């Protein structure tokens, strides 16, 4: 019967390690110095000879104490402070902030990196809590609607017209739940970077036209006209994610455009003024009521809806997803005012492979 080998992991204290290293260096130095002093002592008169061992022991003790004190103060104490602070962060305390008077660059860099890490963790914790809270609320609304209309149908005391209306609202609420779940899964997919393996080359202008056609029932009902002018552009990217971008932006323009309004879509390739590289610029403009300055700052936040009158038409995740997708592929999206009224969403993408 074979005996199992048990591996024992030994943990070394960095303070002990450096202390032993200093002692070893001092002992080695003493040995060398003893040899040199012994030779020199032979040259001195007998009456003034001093035992070199006593001198070296006293000198080494003083040097050792000074060295150990300096290393402990300048290196070990800051490290132990970081260790205690990390334990606090591990327990969920994100208010920790480290300060140091050390002039050692590495120690200063470690403290700055630690403080940055804690700030990012605190921000992530807040976002995560808000996200869970908002998701719970958004799921609760359509579920309550489905439950309420189903209860009314079960009672049986409804007219055929009411029954058709309740069924239509149940289907609508079910679709809202489905869309919300799909968007949350898409957020997770992007956050985990599960998009690089699905790149392919495709015509971006054709994809935008496809997105317009997909939304035809909506813009036909509102009698909205389109003014579309697109350069022929090929791009290598995640096709399904980019279709999601155009569908959201165009659907958003349709939602806020007035009855009988228009939506203008332009796509151009040009050189970036900052980098000189070729970029793709796509603009989607409407002649709706526009967006105020406060809403512009928050419009790409998850679950934010600038117009409460359209709250039942979405979950507030569409533009946040647009922003996240474009960031993931190296692009960007901004919003500005259109004169005399309306908004312009501008998407920029690198022309090179994304």
Protein backbone atom coordinates (compact mmCIF):
# COMPACT_ATOMS: atom_id res chain seq x y z
CA UNK A 1 0.00 0.00 0.00
CA UNK A 2 1.47 3.29 -1.13
CA UNK A 3 1.77 6.07 1.37
CA UNK A 4 0.34 9.38 0.32
CA UNK A 5 2.73 12.26 0.36
CA UNK A 6 1.39 15.19 2.31
CA UNK A 7 2.62 18.56 1.16
CA UNK A 8 3.04 21.00 3.98
CA UNK A 9 2.88 24.66 3.03
CA UNK A 10 5.09 26.79 5.23
CA UNK A 11 4.24 30.46 5.53
CA UNK A 12 7.15 32.78 6.11
CA UNK A 13 6.85 36.14 7.81
CA UNK A 14 8.44 38.83 5.67
CA UNK A 15 9.57 40.59 8.83
CA UNK A 16 11.27 37.40 10.09
CA UNK A 17 12.82 36.80 6.68
CA UNK A 18 14.41 40.24 6.48
CA UNK A 19 15.52 40.10 10.13
CA UNK A 20 17.31 36.80 9.53
CA UNK A 21 18.80 38.22 6.35
CA UNK A 22 20.18 41.23 8.23
CA UNK A 23 21.59 39.00 10.98
CA UNK A 24 23.25 36.77 8.38
CA UNK A 25 24.83 39.77 6.70
CA UNK A 26 26.05 41.15 10.03
CA UNK A 27 27.52 37.79 11.05
CA UNK A 28 29.25 37.49 7.72
CA UNK A 29 30.53 41.02 8.05
CA UNK A 30 31.78 40.29 11.56
CA UNK A 31 33.64 37.23 10.38
CA UNK A 32 35.40 39.15 7.63
CA UNK A 33 36.09 42.11 9.91
CA UNK A 34 37.51 39.81 12.61
CA UNK A 35 40.02 38.41 10.19
CA UNK A 36 41.07 41.89 9.09
CA UNK A 37 41.25 43.30 12.64
CA UNK A 38 43.16 40.28 13.91
CA UNK A 39 45.81 40.91 11.32
CA UNK A 40 45.91 44.62 12.13
CA UNK A 41 46.04 43.98 15.90
CA UNK A 42 49.26 42.05 15.50
CA UNK A 43 50.88 45.24 14.24
CA UNK A 44 49.92 47.27 17.35
CA UNK A 45 51.93 47.40 20.60
CA UNK A 46 50.78 44.91 23.23
CA UNK A 47 49.78 47.59 25.77
CA UNK A 48 47.22 49.25 23.46
CA UNK A 49 45.81 46.17 21.85
CA UNK A 50 42.02 45.81 22.17
CA UNK A 51 40.10 42.61 21.63
CA UNK A 52 38.56 43.09 18.15
CA UNK A 53 35.72 40.70 18.97
CA UNK A 54 34.36 43.03 21.67
CA UNK A 55 34.50 46.03 19.32
CA UNK A 56 32.77 44.18 16.51
CA UNK A 57 30.05 42.78 18.73
CA UNK A 58 29.25 46.25 20.06
CA UNK A 59 29.33 47.75 16.58
CA UNK A 60 27.18 44.98 15.06
CA UNK A 61 24.62 45.31 17.86
CA UNK A 62 24.28 49.03 17.24
CA UNK A 63 24.04 48.55 13.45
CA UNK A 64 21.53 45.72 13.84
CA UNK A 65 19.26 47.72 16.13
CA UNK A 66 19.36 50.77 13.87
CA UNK A 67 18.77 48.66 10.71
CA UNK A 68 15.92 46.67 12.21
CA UNK A 69 14.26 49.82 13.55
CA UNK A 70 14.53 51.59 10.20
CA UNK A 71 13.20 48.65 8.17
CA UNK A 72 10.38 48.09 10.65
CA UNK A 73 9.34 51.74 10.55
CA UNK A 74 9.70 52.32 6.81
CA UNK A 75 8.64 49.00 5.30
CA UNK A 76 6.99 46.54 7.71
CA UNK A 77 4.64 48.99 9.46
CA UNK A 78 3.08 50.24 6.17
CA UNK A 79 2.72 46.64 4.98
CA UNK A 80 0.99 45.60 8.19
CA UNK A 81 -1.28 48.64 7.91
CA UNK A 82 -2.29 47.54 4.40
CA UNK A 83 -2.90 44.00 5.68
CA UNK A 84 -5.26 45.23 8.41
CA UNK A 85 -7.06 47.50 5.93
CA UNK A 86 -7.51 44.64 3.47
CA UNK A 87 -9.17 42.62 6.22
CA UNK A 88 -11.61 45.52 6.76
CA UNK A 89 -12.40 45.66 3.04
CA UNK A 90 -12.90 41.88 2.99
CA UNK A 91 -15.53 42.37 5.73
CA UNK A 92 -17.38 44.84 3.48
CA UNK A 93 -16.05 48.15 4.82
CA UNK A 94 -15.40 50.31 1.74
CA UNK A 95 -14.81 53.52 3.70
CA UNK A 96 -11.19 52.61 4.39
CA UNK A 97 -8.60 55.11 3.16
CA UNK A 98 -4.86 54.77 3.66
CA UNK A 99 -2.41 57.61 4.10
CA UNK A 100 1.35 57.35 4.46
CA UNK A 101 4.26 59.64 5.16
CA UNK A 102 6.69 57.17 3.63
CA UNK A 103 8.93 58.54 0.93
CA UNK A 104 9.46 55.10 -0.59
CA UNK A 105 7.90 55.22 -4.06
CA UNK A 106 6.75 51.59 -4.01
CA UNK A 107 4.92 52.09 -0.70
CA UNK A 108 3.25 55.26 -2.01
CA UNK A 109 2.19 53.45 -5.21
CA UNK A 110 0.74 50.55 -3.21
CA UNK A 111 -1.28 52.93 -1.02
CA UNK A 112 -2.60 54.87 -4.02
CA UNK A 113 -3.57 51.63 -5.80
CA UNK A 114 -5.26 50.35 -2.65
CA UNK A 115 -7.32 53.54 -2.26
CA UNK A 116 -8.30 53.41 -5.94
CA UNK A 117 -9.33 49.76 -5.57
CA UNK A 118 -11.51 50.56 -2.54
CA UNK A 119 -13.20 53.47 -4.35
CA UNK A 120 -13.97 51.24 -7.34
CA UNK A 121 -15.29 48.47 -5.08
CA UNK A 122 -17.50 50.97 -3.25
CA UNK A 123 -18.88 52.28 -6.55
CA UNK A 124 -19.47 48.74 -7.79
CA UNK A 125 -21.26 47.85 -4.56
CA UNK A 126 -23.59 50.85 -4.90
CA UNK A 127 -24.28 50.10 -8.57
CA UNK A 128 -24.91 46.44 -7.80
CA UNK A 129 -27.32 47.26 -4.96
CA UNK A 130 -29.17 49.80 -7.11
CA UNK A 131 -29.30 47.34 -10.00
CA UNK A 132 -30.81 44.58 -7.85
CA UNK A 133 -33.32 47.01 -6.37
CA UNK A 134 -34.35 48.32 -9.78
CA UNK A 135 -34.54 44.85 -11.32
CA UNK A 136 -36.81 43.71 -8.49
CA UNK A 137 -39.06 46.71 -9.04
CA UNK A 138 -39.16 46.32 -12.82
CA UNK A 139 -40.05 42.62 -12.54
CA UNK A 140 -42.69 43.30 -9.92
CA UNK A 141 -44.71 45.74 -12.06
CA UNK A 142 -45.56 43.41 -15.00
CA UNK A 143 -45.95 40.41 -12.68
CA UNK A 144 -48.55 42.30 -10.66
CA UNK A 145 -50.31 43.30 -13.88
CA UNK A 146 -50.39 39.69 -15.11
CA UNK A 147 -51.69 38.50 -11.75
CA UNK A 148 -54.40 41.19 -11.63
CA UNK A 149 -55.76 40.64 -15.15
CA UNK A 150 -55.60 36.85 -14.74
CA UNK A 151 -57.66 37.13 -11.55
CA UNK A 152 -60.25 39.22 -13.38
CA UNK A 153 -60.46 36.61 -16.14
CA UNK A 154 -60.86 33.81 -13.59
CA UNK A 155 -63.89 35.52 -12.08
CA UNK A 156 -65.71 34.95 -15.37
CA UNK A 157 -67.88 38.04 -15.05
CA UNK A 158 -66.35 39.91 -18.03
CA UNK A 159 -67.61 40.86 -21.45
CA UNK A 160 -65.88 39.55 -24.60
CA UNK A 161 -64.43 43.02 -25.16
CA UNK A 162 -63.01 43.13 -21.64
CA UNK A 163 -61.65 39.62 -22.01
CA UNK A 164 -59.81 40.59 -25.22
CA UNK A 165 -58.45 43.73 -23.52
CA UNK A 166 -57.21 41.80 -20.47
CA UNK A 167 -55.56 39.13 -22.61
CA UNK A 168 -53.83 41.82 -24.67
CA UNK A 169 -52.49 43.46 -21.51
CA UNK A 170 -51.30 40.11 -20.15
CA UNK A 171 -49.42 39.46 -23.40
CA UNK A 172 -47.93 42.97 -23.25
CA UNK A 173 -46.76 42.48 -19.64
CA UNK A 174 -45.33 39.07 -20.54
CA UNK A 175 -43.35 40.66 -23.36
CA UNK A 176 -42.02 43.31 -20.97
CA UNK A 177 -40.82 40.54 -18.64
CA UNK A 178 -39.19 38.72 -21.53
CA UNK A 179 -37.46 41.87 -22.79
CA UNK A 180 -36.25 42.75 -19.32
CA UNK A 181 -34.79 39.27 -18.78
CA UNK A 182 -33.12 39.35 -22.20
CA UNK A 183 -31.56 42.76 -21.52
CA UNK A 184 -30.22 41.67 -18.13
CA UNK A 185 -28.70 38.54 -19.70
CA UNK A 186 -27.16 40.71 -22.40
CA UNK A 187 -25.62 42.96 -19.75
CA UNK A 188 -24.11 39.88 -18.13
CA UNK A 189 -22.82 38.64 -21.48
CA UNK A 190 -21.09 41.95 -22.21
CA UNK A 191 -19.68 42.26 -18.67
CA UNK A 192 -18.12 38.80 -19.00
CA UNK A 193 -16.66 39.72 -22.42
CA UNK A 194 -18.40 36.79 -24.12
CA UNK A 195 -18.54 38.71 -27.41
CA UNK A 196 -15.13 38.43 -29.06
CA UNK A 197 -15.69 34.91 -30.37
CA UNK A 198 -18.76 36.00 -32.37
CA UNK A 199 -17.15 38.54 -34.69
CA UNK A 200 -17.87 38.47 -38.41
CA UNK A 201 -17.59 40.91 -41.31
CA UNK A 202 -20.84 42.48 -42.49
CA UNK A 203 -22.30 45.58 -44.16
CA UNK A 204 -23.11 48.13 -41.47
CA UNK A 205 -25.34 50.21 -43.75
CA UNK A 206 -27.44 47.15 -44.62
CA UNK A 207 -27.77 46.31 -40.92
CA UNK A 208 -29.13 49.80 -40.15
CA UNK A 209 -31.70 49.44 -42.96
CA UNK A 210 -32.64 46.05 -41.52
CA UNK A 211 -33.22 47.65 -38.10
CA UNK A 212 -35.52 50.25 -39.71
CA UNK A 213 -37.55 47.53 -41.43
CA UNK A 214 -37.85 45.53 -38.21
CA UNK A 215 -39.55 48.52 -36.58
CA UNK A 216 -41.87 49.25 -39.53
CA UNK A 217 -45.13 48.52 -37.62
CA UNK A 218 -44.23 51.18 -35.04
CA UNK A 219 -43.23 54.00 -37.37
CA UNK A 220 -46.03 53.20 -39.83
CA UNK A 221 -48.62 53.52 -37.05
CA UNK A 222 -47.21 56.94 -36.08
CA UNK A 223 -46.91 58.03 -39.75
CA UNK A 224 -43.22 58.85 -39.30
CA UNK A 225 -41.05 59.47 -42.36
CA UNK A 226 -37.39 58.52 -42.64
CA UNK A 227 -34.57 60.45 -44.27
CA UNK A 228 -31.75 57.91 -44.62
CA UNK A 229 -28.32 58.63 -46.13
CA UNK A 230 -25.72 55.94 -45.46
CA UNK A 231 -22.23 55.39 -46.84
CA UNK A 232 -21.41 51.82 -47.82
CA UNK A 233 -19.37 50.51 -44.87
CA UNK A 234 -18.09 47.06 -43.95
CA UNK A 235 -17.07 46.29 -40.40
CA UNK A 236 -15.86 43.28 -38.42
CA UNK A 237 -17.75 43.08 -35.15
CA UNK A 238 -20.36 41.18 -33.18
CA UNK A 239 -23.29 41.51 -35.59
CA UNK A 240 -26.14 40.74 -33.18
CA UNK A 241 -24.90 43.27 -30.61
CA UNK A 242 -24.58 46.03 -33.20
CA UNK A 243 -28.13 45.32 -34.45
CA UNK A 244 -29.23 45.82 -30.85
CA UNK A 245 -27.60 49.28 -30.89
CA UNK A 246 -29.46 50.49 -34.01
CA UNK A 247 -32.77 48.92 -32.95
CA UNK A 248 -32.64 50.71 -29.59
CA UNK A 249 -31.65 54.10 -31.00
CA UNK A 250 -34.26 54.04 -33.77
CA UNK A 251 -36.97 52.67 -31.47
CA UNK A 252 -36.15 55.46 -29.01
CA UNK A 253 -36.49 58.07 -31.79
CA UNK A 254 -39.84 56.61 -32.85
CA UNK A 255 -41.08 56.64 -29.25
CA UNK A 256 -40.43 60.36 -28.74
CA UNK A 257 -41.13 61.63 -32.27
CA UNK A 258 -44.53 63.31 -32.70
CA UNK A 259 -47.28 61.88 -34.89
CA UNK A 260 -46.34 62.49 -38.52
CA UNK A 261 -42.77 63.46 -37.62
CA UNK A 262 -39.49 62.43 -39.22
CA UNK A 263 -36.29 60.62 -38.28
CA UNK A 264 -33.00 61.33 -40.02
CA UNK A 265 -30.19 58.75 -40.10
CA UNK A 266 -26.73 59.50 -41.52
CA UNK A 267 -23.57 57.41 -41.69
CA UNK A 268 -20.19 58.72 -42.80
CA UNK A 269 -16.55 57.58 -42.64
CA UNK A 270 -14.04 60.26 -41.78
CA UNK A 271 -10.72 60.87 -40.07
CA UNK A 272 -10.68 61.52 -36.35
CA UNK A 273 -9.42 64.99 -35.47
CA UNK A 274 -7.78 63.58 -32.33
CA UNK A 275 -6.03 60.44 -33.61
CA UNK A 276 -6.08 60.86 -37.40
CA UNK A 277 -7.50 57.33 -37.76
CA UNK A 278 -10.58 56.53 -39.84
CA UNK A 279 -13.78 56.38 -37.85
CA UNK A 280 -17.44 55.68 -38.62
CA UNK A 281 -19.98 58.27 -37.49
CA UNK A 282 -23.70 57.46 -37.37
CA UNK A 283 -26.31 60.02 -36.33
CA UNK A 284 -29.96 59.34 -35.46
CA UNK A 285 -32.03 62.52 -35.10
CA UNK A 286 -35.68 63.14 -34.31
CA UNK A 287 -37.89 66.21 -33.91
CA UNK A 288 -39.32 65.25 -30.54
CA UNK A 289 -39.42 67.40 -27.38
CA UNK A 290 -35.66 67.19 -26.80
CA UNK A 291 -33.74 66.29 -23.63
CA UNK A 292 -32.87 68.66 -20.80
CA UNK A 293 -29.31 68.98 -19.49
CA UNK A 294 -29.88 66.90 -16.34
CA UNK A 295 -31.37 64.07 -18.39
CA UNK A 296 -28.44 64.21 -20.84
CA UNK A 297 -26.06 63.45 -17.98
CA UNK A 298 -28.08 60.43 -16.84
CA UNK A 299 -29.70 59.13 -20.00
CA UNK A 300 -27.23 56.27 -20.42
CA UNK A 301 -27.63 55.09 -16.80
CA UNK A 302 -29.39 51.81 -16.18
CA UNK A 303 -33.15 52.13 -15.50
CA UNK A 304 -33.16 55.89 -16.03
CA UNK A 305 -36.14 57.24 -17.98
CA UNK A 306 -36.24 60.96 -18.69
CA UNK A 307 -39.93 61.05 -19.65
CA UNK A 308 -42.32 59.41 -17.17
CA UNK A 309 -45.13 59.52 -19.77
CA UNK A 310 -43.32 56.74 -21.68
CA UNK A 311 -42.41 54.70 -18.60
CA UNK A 312 -44.72 51.83 -19.55
CA UNK A 313 -43.06 51.51 -22.96
CA UNK A 314 -39.67 50.38 -21.67
CA UNK A 315 -37.49 49.46 -18.72
CA UNK A 316 -34.82 52.14 -19.02
CA UNK A 317 -32.18 49.59 -20.04
CA UNK A 318 -32.09 50.25 -23.79
CA UNK A 319 -29.73 53.24 -23.92
CA UNK A 320 -27.60 51.85 -21.08
CA UNK A 321 -27.09 48.72 -23.20
CA UNK A 322 -26.24 50.84 -26.24
CA UNK A 323 -23.55 52.61 -24.23
CA UNK A 324 -22.15 49.36 -22.81
CA UNK A 325 -22.06 47.60 -26.19
CA UNK A 326 -20.31 50.49 -27.92
CA UNK A 327 -17.78 50.78 -25.11
CA UNK A 328 -17.07 47.05 -25.42
CA UNK A 329 -16.29 47.38 -29.16
CA UNK A 330 -14.21 50.54 -28.76
CA UNK A 331 -16.93 53.01 -29.77
CA UNK A 332 -18.96 55.72 -28.07
CA UNK A 333 -22.38 57.37 -28.10
CA UNK A 334 -23.35 60.94 -27.20
CA UNK A 335 -26.56 62.98 -27.29
CA UNK A 336 -27.05 66.62 -28.29
CA UNK A 337 -29.87 69.04 -29.14
CA UNK A 338 -31.29 69.44 -32.62
CA UNK A 339 -32.53 72.81 -33.80
CA UNK A 340 -35.29 73.93 -33.58
CA UNK A 341 -36.42 70.89 -31.57
CA UNK A 342 -35.45 67.30 -31.08
CA UNK A 343 -32.37 65.26 -30.23
CA UNK A 344 -29.37 63.84 -32.08
CA UNK A 345 -27.68 60.62 -30.96
CA UNK A 346 -24.18 60.29 -32.42
CA UNK A 347 -22.39 56.94 -32.54
CA UNK A 348 -18.69 56.73 -33.35
CA UNK A 349 -16.91 53.48 -34.18
CA UNK A 350 -13.31 52.77 -35.23
CA UNK A 351 -13.08 51.82 -38.91
CA UNK A 352 -10.46 49.18 -38.13
CA UNK A 353 -11.46 45.71 -37.00
CA UNK A 354 -13.35 45.84 -33.66
